Amino acid sequence: YLRKKKFYIEECTGHINLMDDEMAGYMEGIVQTFSFSTE
């Protein structure tokens, strides 16, 4: 929806285990920063 509207996400947070190629593709062009905790 954000891509369709030409809206953007400055930052969102998630568990790095849930990041994969498909999810990175959905974030492409609309997400500026992805934050995750390594600890």
PDB file of all heavy atoms in Angstrom:
ATOM      1  N   TYR A   1       0.834  -1.206   0.000  1.00  0.00           N
ATOM      2  CA  TYR A   1       0.000   0.000   0.000  1.00  0.00           C
ATOM      3  C   TYR A   1       0.871   1.259   0.000  1.00  0.00           C
ATOM      4  O   TYR A   1       0.595   2.218  -0.736  1.00  0.00           O
ATOM      5  CB  TYR A   1      -0.926   0.009   1.222  1.00  0.00           C
ATOM      6  CG  TYR A   1      -1.844   1.211   1.246  1.00  0.00           C
ATOM      7  CD1 TYR A   1      -2.981   1.241   0.444  1.00  0.00           C
ATOM      8  CD2 TYR A   1      -1.564   2.316   2.035  1.00  0.00           C
ATOM      9  CE1 TYR A   1      -3.817   2.350   0.433  1.00  0.00           C
ATOM     10  CE2 TYR A   1      -2.396   3.432   2.034  1.00  0.00           C
ATOM     11  CZ  TYR A   1      -3.516   3.434   1.230  1.00  0.00           C
ATOM     12  OH  TYR A   1      -4.341   4.542   1.219  1.00  0.00           O
ATOM     13  N   LEU A   2       1.919   1.252   0.817  1.00  0.00           N
ATOM     14  CA  LEU A   2       2.813   2.406   0.865  1.00  0.00           C
ATOM     15  C   LEU A   2       3.451   2.659  -0.497  1.00  0.00           C
ATOM     16  O   LEU A   2       3.573   3.805  -0.949  1.00  0.00           O
ATOM     17  CB  LEU A   2       3.891   2.188   1.929  1.00  0.00           C
ATOM     18  CG  LEU A   2       3.402   2.190   3.382  1.00  0.00           C
ATOM     19  CD1 LEU A   2       4.456   1.593   4.297  1.00  0.00           C
ATOM     20  CD2 LEU A   2       3.061   3.599   3.839  1.00  0.00           C
ATOM     21  N   ARG A   3       3.860   1.591  -1.166  1.00  0.00           N
ATOM     22  CA  ARG A   3       4.473   1.740  -2.492  1.00  0.00           C
ATOM     23  C   ARG A   3       3.472   2.323  -3.484  1.00  0.00           C
ATOM     24  O   ARG A   3       3.800   3.208  -4.285  1.00  0.00           O
ATOM     25  CB  ARG A   3       4.988   0.395  -2.975  1.00  0.00           C
ATOM     26  CG  ARG A   3       5.627   0.450  -4.363  1.00  0.00           C
ATOM     27  CD  ARG A   3       6.308  -0.845  -4.756  1.00  0.00           C
ATOM     28  NE  ARG A   3       7.557  -1.011  -4.007  1.00  0.00           N
ATOM     29  CZ  ARG A   3       7.692  -1.822  -2.985  1.00  0.00           C
ATOM     30  NH1 ARG A   3       6.665  -2.537  -2.564  1.00  0.00           N
ATOM     31  NH2 ARG A   3       8.852  -1.924  -2.357  1.00  0.00           N
ATOM     32  N   LYS A   4       2.255   1.836  -3.451  1.00  0.00           N
ATOM     33  CA  LYS A   4       1.203   2.318  -4.351  1.00  0.00           C
ATOM     34  C   LYS A   4       0.949   3.816  -4.157  1.00  0.00           C
ATOM     35  O   LYS A   4       0.753   4.552  -5.125  1.00  0.00           O
ATOM     36  CB  LYS A   4      -0.085   1.520  -4.083  1.00  0.00           C
ATOM     37  CG  LYS A   4      -1.292   1.999  -4.846  1.00  0.00           C
ATOM     38  CD  LYS A   4      -2.525   1.205  -4.427  1.00  0.00           C
ATOM     39  CE  LYS A   4      -3.791   1.789  -5.042  1.00  0.00           C
ATOM     40  NZ  LYS A   4      -5.013   1.068  -4.556  1.00  0.00           N
ATOM     41  N   LYS A   5       1.001   4.268  -2.911  1.00  0.00           N
ATOM     42  CA  LYS A   5       0.712   5.675  -2.595  1.00  0.00           C
ATOM     43  C   LYS A   5       1.957   6.564  -2.676  1.00  0.00           C
ATOM     44  O   LYS A   5       1.872   7.770  -2.486  1.00  0.00           O
ATOM     45  CB  LYS A   5       0.111   5.775  -1.186  1.00  0.00           C
ATOM     46  CG  LYS A   5      -1.200   5.045  -1.005  1.00  0.00           C
ATOM     47  CD  LYS A   5      -2.360   5.757  -1.658  1.00  0.00           C
ATOM     48  CE  LYS A   5      -2.748   7.004  -0.896  1.00  0.00           C
ATOM     49  NZ  LYS A   5      -3.979   7.621  -1.411  1.00  0.00           N
ATOM     50  N   LYS A   6       3.125   5.963  -2.911  1.00  0.00           N
ATOM     51  CA  LYS A   6       4.405   6.687  -2.905  1.00  0.00           C
ATOM     52  C   LYS A   6       4.659   7.305  -1.526  1.00  0.00           C
ATOM     53  O   LYS A   6       5.091   8.441  -1.400  1.00  0.00           O
ATOM     54  CB  LYS A   6       4.442   7.742  -3.997  1.00  0.00           C
ATOM     55  CG  LYS A   6       4.401   7.135  -5.398  1.00  0.00           C
ATOM     56  CD  LYS A   6       4.566   8.186  -6.477  1.00  0.00           C
ATOM     57  CE  LYS A   6       4.563   7.515  -7.863  1.00  0.00           C
ATOM     58  NZ  LYS A   6       4.703   8.501  -8.960  1.00  0.00           N
ATOM     59  N   PHE A   7       4.380   6.493  -0.498  1.00  0.00           N
ATOM     60  CA  PHE A   7       4.678   6.831   0.889  1.00  0.00           C
ATOM     61  C   PHE A   7       5.946   6.070   1.297  1.00  0.00           C
ATOM     62  O   PHE A   7       6.347   5.106   0.639  1.00  0.00           O
ATOM     63  CB  PHE A   7       3.535   6.435   1.815  1.00  0.00           C
ATOM     64  CG  PHE A   7       2.268   7.251   1.633  1.00  0.00           C
ATOM     65  CD1 PHE A   7       1.080   6.841   2.230  1.00  0.00           C
ATOM     66  CD2 PHE A   7       2.248   8.412   0.882  1.00  0.00           C
ATOM     67  CE1 PHE A   7      -0.091   7.564   2.083  1.00  0.00           C
ATOM     68  CE2 PHE A   7       1.084   9.150   0.729  1.00  0.00           C
ATOM     69  CZ  PHE A   7      -0.088   8.723   1.322  1.00  0.00           C
ATOM     70  N   TYR A   8       6.552   6.506   2.433  1.00  0.00           N
ATOM     71  CA  TYR A   8       7.821   5.912   2.858  1.00  0.00           C
ATOM     72  C   TYR A   8       7.819   5.617   4.359  1.00  0.00           C
ATOM     73  O   TYR A   8       7.062   6.221   5.128  1.00  0.00           O
ATOM     74  CB  TYR A   8       8.987   6.853   2.530  1.00  0.00           C
ATOM     75  CG  TYR A   8       9.067   7.203   1.069  1.00  0.00           C
ATOM     76  CD1 TYR A   8       8.484   8.364   0.582  1.00  0.00           C
ATOM     77  CD2 TYR A   8       9.702   6.347   0.173  1.00  0.00           C
ATOM     78  CE1 TYR A   8       8.524   8.682  -0.764  1.00  0.00           C
ATOM     79  CE2 TYR A   8       9.750   6.651  -1.182  1.00  0.00           C
ATOM     80  CZ  TYR A   8       9.155   7.819  -1.644  1.00  0.00           C
ATOM     81  OH  TYR A   8       9.203   8.117  -2.977  1.00  0.00           O
ATOM     82  N   ILE A   9       8.694   4.696   4.733  1.00  0.00           N
ATOM     83  CA  ILE A   9       8.929   4.389   6.145  1.00  0.00           C
ATOM     84  C   ILE A   9      10.324   4.877   6.501  1.00  0.00           C
ATOM     85  O   ILE A   9      11.306   4.442   5.893  1.00  0.00           O
ATOM     86  CB  ILE A   9       8.806   2.881   6.431  1.00  0.00           C
ATOM     87  CG1 ILE A   9       7.365   2.416   6.195  1.00  0.00           C
ATOM     88  CG2 ILE A   9       9.237   2.567   7.865  1.00  0.00           C
ATOM     89  CD1 ILE A   9       7.179   0.910   6.370  1.00  0.00           C
ATOM     90  N   GLU A  10      10.418   5.784   7.471  1.00  0.00           N
ATOM     91  CA  GLU A  10      11.730   6.251   7.914  1.00  0.00           C
ATOM     92  C   GLU A  10      12.486   5.123   8.604  1.00  0.00           C
ATOM     93  O   GLU A  10      13.667   4.912   8.374  1.00  0.00           O
ATOM     94  CB  GLU A  10      11.571   7.435   8.869  1.00  0.00           C
ATOM     95  CG  GLU A  10      12.868   8.137   9.217  1.00  0.00           C
ATOM     96  CD  GLU A  10      13.409   8.987   8.085  1.00  0.00           C
ATOM     97  OE1 GLU A  10      12.880  10.078   7.828  1.00  0.00           O
ATOM     98  OE2 GLU A  10      14.372   8.524   7.453  1.00  0.00           O
ATOM     99  N   GLU A  11      11.767   4.386   9.472  1.00  0.00           N
ATOM    100  CA  GLU A  11      12.423   3.295  10.200  1.00  0.00           C
ATOM    101  C   GLU A  11      11.388   2.301  10.698  1.00  0.00           C
ATOM    102  O   GLU A  11      10.286   2.677  11.101  1.00  0.00           O
ATOM    103  CB  GLU A  11      13.219   3.848  11.386  1.00  0.00           C
ATOM    104  CG  GLU A  11      14.010   2.796  12.146  1.00  0.00           C
ATOM    105  CD  GLU A  11      14.917   3.390  13.217  1.00  0.00           C
ATOM    106  OE1 GLU A  11      14.947   4.627  13.358  1.00  0.00           O
ATOM    107  OE2 GLU A  11      15.587   2.616  13.910  1.00  0.00           O
ATOM    108  N   CYS A  12      11.742   1.033  10.658  1.00  0.00           N
ATOM    109  CA  CYS A  12      10.938  -0.001  11.315  1.00  0.00           C
ATOM    110  C   CYS A  12      11.898  -1.029  11.917  1.00  0.00           C
ATOM    111  O   CYS A  12      13.060  -1.125  11.523  1.00  0.00           O
ATOM    112  CB  CYS A  12       9.952  -0.664  10.357  1.00  0.00           C
ATOM    113  SG  CYS A  12      10.697  -1.604   9.013  1.00  0.00           S
ATOM    114  N   THR A  13      11.398  -1.760  12.894  1.00  0.00           N
ATOM    115  CA  THR A  13      12.224  -2.690  13.661  1.00  0.00           C
ATOM    116  C   THR A  13      11.681  -4.105  13.527  1.00  0.00           C
ATOM    117  O   THR A  13      10.465  -4.314  13.529  1.00  0.00           O
ATOM    118  CB  THR A  13      12.234  -2.277  15.153  1.00  0.00           C
ATOM    119  OG1 THR A  13      12.747  -0.952  15.262  1.00  0.00           O
ATOM    120  CG2 THR A  13      13.092  -3.225  15.978  1.00  0.00           C
ATOM    121  N   GLY A  14      12.570  -5.060  13.427  1.00  0.00           N
ATOM    122  CA  GLY A  14      12.135  -6.450  13.360  1.00  0.00           C
ATOM    123  C   GLY A  14      13.233  -7.398  13.785  1.00  0.00           C
ATOM    124  O   GLY A  14      14.396  -7.004  13.947  1.00  0.00           O
ATOM    125  N   HIS A  15      12.875  -8.650  13.983  1.00  0.00           N
ATOM    126  CA  HIS A  15      13.857  -9.683  14.310  1.00  0.00           C
ATOM    127  C   HIS A  15      14.562 -10.097  13.029  1.00  0.00           C
ATOM    128  O   HIS A  15      13.911 -10.379  12.013  1.00  0.00           O
ATOM    129  CB  HIS A  15      13.153 -10.878  14.947  1.00  0.00           C
ATOM    130  CG  HIS A  15      14.055 -11.774  15.729  1.00  0.00           C
ATOM    131  ND1 HIS A  15      15.016 -12.560  15.133  1.00  0.00           N
ATOM    132  CD2 HIS A  15      14.153 -12.018  17.066  1.00  0.00           C
ATOM    133  CE1 HIS A  15      15.664 -13.246  16.052  1.00  0.00           C
ATOM    134  NE2 HIS A  15      15.159 -12.934  17.244  1.00  0.00           N
ATOM    135  N   ILE A  16      15.876 -10.115  13.044  1.00  0.00           N
ATOM    136  CA  ILE A  16      16.651 -10.396  11.833  1.00  0.00           C
ATOM    137  C   ILE A  16      16.364 -11.788  11.288  1.00  0.00           C
ATOM    138  O   ILE A  16      16.493 -12.035  10.085  1.00  0.00           O
ATOM    139  CB  ILE A  16      18.163 -10.202  12.097  1.00  0.00           C
ATOM    140  CG1 ILE A  16      18.950 -10.135  10.775  1.00  0.00           C
ATOM    141  CG2 ILE A  16      18.698 -11.282  13.023  1.00  0.00           C
ATOM    142  CD1 ILE A  16      18.657  -8.930   9.931  1.00  0.00           C
ATOM    143  N   ASN A  17      15.929 -12.720  12.153  1.00  0.00           N
ATOM    144  CA  ASN A  17      15.583 -14.059  11.673  1.00  0.00           C
ATOM    145  C   ASN A  17      14.435 -14.027  10.671  1.00  0.00           C
ATOM    146  O   ASN A  17      14.287 -14.922   9.841  1.00  0.00           O
ATOM    147  CB  ASN A  17      15.187 -14.969  12.843  1.00  0.00           C
ATOM    148  CG  ASN A  17      16.383 -15.458  13.625  1.00  0.00           C
ATOM    149  OD1 ASN A  17      17.503 -15.016  13.404  1.00  0.00           O
ATOM    150  ND2 ASN A  17      16.155 -16.370  14.557  1.00  0.00           N
ATOM    151  N   LEU A  18      13.580 -13.004  10.772  1.00  0.00           N
ATOM    152  CA  LEU A  18      12.407 -12.914   9.911  1.00  0.00           C
ATOM    153  C   LEU A  18      12.700 -12.220   8.586  1.00  0.00           C
ATOM    154  O   LEU A  18      11.828 -12.138   7.720  1.00  0.00           O
ATOM    155  CB  LEU A  18      11.281 -12.171  10.644  1.00  0.00           C
ATOM    156  CG  LEU A  18      10.819 -12.819  11.953  1.00  0.00           C
ATOM    157  CD1 LEU A  18       9.837 -11.913  12.678  1.00  0.00           C
ATOM    158  CD2 LEU A  18      10.182 -14.177  11.685  1.00  0.00           C
ATOM    159  N   MET A  19      13.910 -11.709   8.442  1.00  0.00           N
ATOM    160  CA  MET A  19      14.297 -11.044   7.201  1.00  0.00           C
ATOM    161  C   MET A  19      14.772 -12.080   6.187  1.00  0.00           C
ATOM    162  O   MET A  19      15.617 -12.917   6.491  1.00  0.00           O
ATOM    163  CB  MET A  19      15.405 -10.024   7.482  1.00  0.00           C
ATOM    164  CG  MET A  19      15.851  -9.246   6.254  1.00  0.00           C
ATOM    165  SD  MET A  19      14.508  -8.384   5.419  1.00  0.00           S
ATOM    166  CE  MET A  19      13.993  -7.269   6.742  1.00  0.00           C
ATOM    167  N   ASP A  20      14.198 -12.039   4.995  1.00  0.00           N
ATOM    168  CA  ASP A  20      14.632 -12.909   3.912  1.00  0.00           C
ATOM    169  C   ASP A  20      14.592 -12.124   2.612  1.00  0.00           C
ATOM    170  O   ASP A  20      14.234 -10.940   2.593  1.00  0.00           O
ATOM    171  CB  ASP A  20      13.761 -14.177   3.831  1.00  0.00           C
ATOM    172  CG  ASP A  20      12.262 -13.859   3.744  1.00  0.00           C
ATOM    173  OD1 ASP A  20      11.909 -12.772   3.223  1.00  0.00           O
ATOM    174  OD2 ASP A  20      11.449 -14.685   4.191  1.00  0.00           O
ATOM    175  N   ASP A  21      14.968 -12.766   1.521  1.00  0.00           N
ATOM    176  CA  ASP A  21      15.027 -12.062   0.234  1.00  0.00           C
ATOM    177  C   ASP A  21      13.668 -11.504  -0.166  1.00  0.00           C
ATOM    178  O   ASP A  21      13.566 -10.390  -0.692  1.00  0.00           O
ATOM    179  CB  ASP A  21      15.529 -13.015  -0.861  1.00  0.00           C
ATOM    180  CG  ASP A  21      17.006 -13.359  -0.701  1.00  0.00           C
ATOM    181  OD1 ASP A  21      17.629 -12.828   0.245  1.00  0.00           O
ATOM    182  OD2 ASP A  21      17.532 -14.141  -1.514  1.00  0.00           O
ATOM    183  N   GLU A  22      12.612 -12.274   0.079  1.00  0.00           N
ATOM    184  CA  GLU A  22      11.277 -11.824  -0.295  1.00  0.00           C
ATOM    185  C   GLU A  22      10.885 -10.574   0.484  1.00  0.00           C
ATOM    186  O   GLU A  22      10.384  -9.603  -0.088  1.00  0.00           O
ATOM    187  CB  GLU A  22      10.251 -12.937  -0.051  1.00  0.00           C
ATOM    188  CG  GLU A  22       8.847 -12.540  -0.477  1.00  0.00           C
ATOM    189  CD  GLU A  22       7.797 -13.572  -0.098  1.00  0.00           C
ATOM    190  OE1 GLU A  22       7.979 -14.245   0.946  1.00  0.00           O
ATOM    191  OE2 GLU A  22       6.790 -13.681  -0.813  1.00  0.00           O
ATOM    192  N   MET A  23      11.137 -10.595   1.811  1.00  0.00           N
ATOM    193  CA  MET A  23      10.761  -9.450   2.629  1.00  0.00           C
ATOM    194  C   MET A  23      11.577  -8.211   2.247  1.00  0.00           C
ATOM    195  O   MET A  23      11.050  -7.101   2.184  1.00  0.00           O
ATOM    196  CB  MET A  23      10.947  -9.786   4.108  1.00  0.00           C
ATOM    197  CG  MET A  23      10.419  -8.715   5.057  1.00  0.00           C
ATOM    198  SD  MET A  23       8.669  -8.319   4.806  1.00  0.00           S
ATOM    199  CE  MET A  23       7.899  -9.881   5.257  1.00  0.00           C
ATOM    200  N   ALA A  24      12.867  -8.410   1.970  1.00  0.00           N
ATOM    201  CA  ALA A  24      13.702  -7.287   1.533  1.00  0.00           C
ATOM    202  C   ALA A  24      13.153  -6.691   0.235  1.00  0.00           C
ATOM    203  O   ALA A  24      13.167  -5.467   0.046  1.00  0.00           O
ATOM    204  CB  ALA A  24      15.144  -7.754   1.346  1.00  0.00           C
ATOM    205  N   GLY A  25      12.637  -7.553  -0.636  1.00  0.00           N
ATOM    206  CA  GLY A  25      12.047  -7.071  -1.876  1.00  0.00           C
ATOM    207  C   GLY A  25      10.816  -6.217  -1.647  1.00  0.00           C
ATOM    208  O   GLY A  25      10.605  -5.216  -2.342  1.00  0.00           O
ATOM    209  N   TYR A  26       9.997  -6.595  -0.677  1.00  0.00           N
ATOM    210  CA  TYR A  26       8.810  -5.801  -0.366  1.00  0.00           C
ATOM    211  C   TYR A  26       9.176  -4.443   0.243  1.00  0.00           C
ATOM    212  O   TYR A  26       8.460  -3.468   0.087  1.00  0.00           O
ATOM    213  CB  TYR A  26       7.894  -6.568   0.590  1.00  0.00           C
ATOM    214  CG  TYR A  26       6.932  -7.489  -0.100  1.00  0.00           C
ATOM    215  CD1 TYR A  26       7.285  -8.807  -0.376  1.00  0.00           C
ATOM    216  CD2 TYR A  26       5.673  -7.058  -0.498  1.00  0.00           C
ATOM    217  CE1 TYR A  26       6.418  -9.675  -1.034  1.00  0.00           C
ATOM    218  CE2 TYR A  26       4.790  -7.909  -1.147  1.00  0.00           C
ATOM    219  CZ  TYR A  26       5.169  -9.218  -1.411  1.00  0.00           C
ATOM    220  OH  TYR A  26       4.303 -10.051  -2.071  1.00  0.00           O
ATOM    221  N   MET A  27      10.322  -4.381   0.941  1.00  0.00           N
ATOM    222  CA  MET A  27      10.762  -3.141   1.581  1.00  0.00           C
ATOM    223  C   MET A  27      11.498  -2.217   0.615  1.00  0.00           C
ATOM    224  O   MET A  27      11.674  -1.031   0.885  1.00  0.00           O
ATOM    225  CB  MET A  27      11.669  -3.481   2.764  1.00  0.00           C
ATOM    226  CG  MET A  27      10.955  -4.245   3.882  1.00  0.00           C
ATOM    227  SD  MET A  27      12.095  -5.012   5.064  1.00  0.00           S
ATOM    228  CE  MET A  27      12.742  -3.586   5.913  1.00  0.00           C
ATOM    229  N   GLU A  28      11.913  -2.777  -0.520  1.00  0.00           N
ATOM    230  CA  GLU A  28      12.726  -2.037  -1.482  1.00  0.00           C
ATOM    231  C   GLU A  28      12.056  -0.741  -1.938  1.00  0.00           C
ATOM    232  O   GLU A  28      10.889  -0.722  -2.334  1.00  0.00           O
ATOM    233  CB  GLU A  28      12.987  -2.913  -2.714  1.00  0.00           C
ATOM    234  CG  GLU A  28      13.789  -2.238  -3.800  1.00  0.00           C
ATOM    235  CD  GLU A  28      14.018  -3.152  -4.997  1.00  0.00           C
ATOM    236  OE1 GLU A  28      13.475  -4.283  -5.000  1.00  0.00           O
ATOM    237  OE2 GLU A  28      14.728  -2.737  -5.917  1.00  0.00           O
ATOM    238  N   GLY A  29      12.779   0.351  -1.836  1.00  0.00           N
ATOM    239  CA  GLY A  29      12.305   1.627  -2.350  1.00  0.00           C
ATOM    240  C   GLY A  29      11.383   2.398  -1.445  1.00  0.00           C
ATOM    241  O   GLY A  29      11.058   3.555  -1.732  1.00  0.00           O
ATOM    242  N   ILE A  30      10.948   1.784  -0.337  1.00  0.00           N
ATOM    243  CA  ILE A  30      10.032   2.508   0.551  1.00  0.00           C
ATOM    244  C   ILE A  30      10.523   2.570   2.000  1.00  0.00           C
ATOM    245  O   ILE A  30      10.068   3.419   2.769  1.00  0.00           O
ATOM    246  CB  ILE A  30       8.607   1.900   0.532  1.00  0.00           C
ATOM    247  CG1 ILE A  30       8.637   0.428   0.945  1.00  0.00           C
ATOM    248  CG2 ILE A  30       7.953   2.076  -0.816  1.00  0.00           C
ATOM    249  CD1 ILE A  30       7.260  -0.157   1.161  1.00  0.00           C
ATOM    250  N   VAL A  31      11.464   1.693   2.382  1.00  0.00           N
ATOM    251  CA  VAL A  31      11.990   1.692   3.753  1.00  0.00           C
ATOM    252  C   VAL A  31      13.402   2.274   3.749  1.00  0.00           C
ATOM    253  O   VAL A  31      14.263   1.811   2.998  1.00  0.00           O
ATOM    254  CB  VAL A  31      12.010   0.270   4.356  1.00  0.00           C
ATOM    255  CG1 VAL A  31      12.657   0.295   5.744  1.00  0.00           C
ATOM    256  CG2 VAL A  31      10.596  -0.297   4.452  1.00  0.00           C
ATOM    257  N   GLN A  32      13.641   3.304   4.577  1.00  0.00           N
ATOM    258  CA  GLN A  32      14.970   3.899   4.643  1.00  0.00           C
ATOM    259  C   GLN A  32      15.882   3.149   5.609  1.00  0.00           C
ATOM    260  O   GLN A  32      17.039   2.885   5.308  1.00  0.00           O
ATOM    261  CB  GLN A  32      14.875   5.358   5.083  1.00  0.00           C
ATOM    262  CG  GLN A  32      16.205   6.086   5.177  1.00  0.00           C
ATOM    263  CD  GLN A  32      16.858   6.315   3.834  1.00  0.00           C
ATOM    264  OE1 GLN A  32      16.628   7.306   3.178  1.00  0.00           O
ATOM    265  NE2 GLN A  32      17.693   5.374   3.401  1.00  0.00           N
ATOM    266  N   THR A  33      15.366   2.785   6.803  1.00  0.00           N
ATOM    267  CA  THR A  33      16.210   2.139   7.815  1.00  0.00           C
ATOM    268  C   THR A  33      15.492   0.951   8.434  1.00  0.00           C
ATOM    269  O   THR A  33      14.325   1.050   8.811  1.00  0.00           O
ATOM    270  CB  THR A  33      16.591   3.139   8.928  1.00  0.00           C
ATOM    271  OG1 THR A  33      17.297   4.238   8.357  1.00  0.00           O
ATOM    272  CG2 THR A  33      17.474   2.476   9.981  1.00  0.00           C
ATOM    273  N   PHE A  34      16.202  -0.156   8.522  1.00  0.00           N
ATOM    274  CA  PHE A  34      15.709  -1.331   9.238  1.00  0.00           C
ATOM    275  C   PHE A  34      16.589  -1.550  10.460  1.00  0.00           C
ATOM    276  O   PHE A  34      17.812  -1.642  10.351  1.00  0.00           O
ATOM    277  CB  PHE A  34      15.747  -2.574   8.342  1.00  0.00           C
ATOM    278  CG  PHE A  34      15.325  -3.838   9.034  1.00  0.00           C
ATOM    279  CD1 PHE A  34      14.002  -4.026   9.401  1.00  0.00           C
ATOM    280  CD2 PHE A  34      16.244  -4.832   9.341  1.00  0.00           C
ATOM    281  CE1 PHE A  34      13.602  -5.192  10.063  1.00  0.00           C
ATOM    282  CE2 PHE A  34      15.858  -5.991   9.989  1.00  0.00           C
ATOM    283  CZ  PHE A  34      14.529  -6.169  10.350  1.00  0.00           C
ATOM    284  N   SER A  35      15.965  -1.608  11.631  1.00  0.00           N
ATOM    285  CA  SER A  35      16.698  -1.799  12.881  1.00  0.00           C
ATOM    286  C   SER A  35      16.451  -3.205  13.425  1.00  0.00           C
ATOM    287  O   SER A  35      15.321  -3.699  13.383  1.00  0.00           O
ATOM    288  CB  SER A  35      16.245  -0.771  13.931  1.00  0.00           C
ATOM    289  OG  SER A  35      16.554   0.539  13.506  1.00  0.00           O
ATOM    290  N   PHE A  36      17.514  -3.800  13.925  1.00  0.00           N
ATOM    291  CA  PHE A  36      17.368  -5.114  14.552  1.00  0.00           C
ATOM    292  C   PHE A  36      18.354  -5.211  15.707  1.00  0.00           C
ATOM    293  O   PHE A  36      19.360  -4.500  15.754  1.00  0.00           O
ATOM    294  CB  PHE A  36      17.594  -6.241  13.539  1.00  0.00           C
ATOM    295  CG  PHE A  36      18.984  -6.295  12.951  1.00  0.00           C
ATOM    296  CD1 PHE A  36      19.967  -7.107  13.510  1.00  0.00           C
ATOM    297  CD2 PHE A  36      19.312  -5.547  11.837  1.00  0.00           C
ATOM    298  CE1 PHE A  36      21.244  -7.172  12.976  1.00  0.00           C
ATOM    299  CE2 PHE A  36      20.593  -5.598  11.283  1.00  0.00           C
ATOM    300  CZ  PHE A  36      21.563  -6.407  11.855  1.00  0.00           C
ATOM    301  N   SER A  37      18.056  -6.077  16.640  1.00  0.00           N
ATOM    302  CA  SER A  37      18.916  -6.276  17.808  1.00  0.00           C
ATOM    303  C   SER A  37      19.720  -7.552  17.646  1.00  0.00           C
ATOM    304  O   SER A  37      19.150  -8.618  17.413  1.00  0.00           O
ATOM    305  CB  SER A  37      18.070  -6.354  19.086  1.00  0.00           C
ATOM    306  OG  SER A  37      17.389  -5.137  19.315  1.00  0.00           O
ATOM    307  N   THR A  38      21.035  -7.436  17.754  1.00  0.00           N
ATOM    308  CA  THR A  38      21.898  -8.608  17.749  1.00  0.00           C
ATOM    309  C   THR A  38      22.169  -9.061  19.179  1.00  0.00           C
ATOM    310  O   THR A  38      22.239 -10.243  19.472  1.00  0.00           O
ATOM    311  CB  THR A  38      23.243  -8.287  17.051  1.00  0.00           C
ATOM    312  OG1 THR A  38      22.967  -7.831  15.731  1.00  0.00           O
ATOM    313  CG2 THR A  38      24.127  -9.518  16.994  1.00  0.00           C
ATOM    314  N   GLU A  39      22.313  -8.087  20.086  1.00  0.00           N
ATOM    315  CA  GLU A  39      22.605  -8.261  21.505  1.00  0.00           C
ATOM    316  C   GLU A  39      24.022  -8.769  21.751  1.00  0.00           C
ATOM    317  O   GLU A  39      24.733  -8.221  22.570  1.00  0.00           O
ATOM    318  CB  GLU A  39      21.594  -9.172  22.218  1.00  0.00           C
ATOM    319  CG  GLU A  39      20.137  -8.917  21.898  1.00  0.00           C
ATOM    320  CD  GLU A  39      19.651  -7.476  22.052  1.00  0.00           C
ATOM    321  OE1 GLU A  39      20.447  -6.561  22.307  1.00  0.00           O
ATOM    322  OE2 GLU A  39      18.453  -7.268  21.869  1.00  0.00           O
TER     323      GLU A  39
END
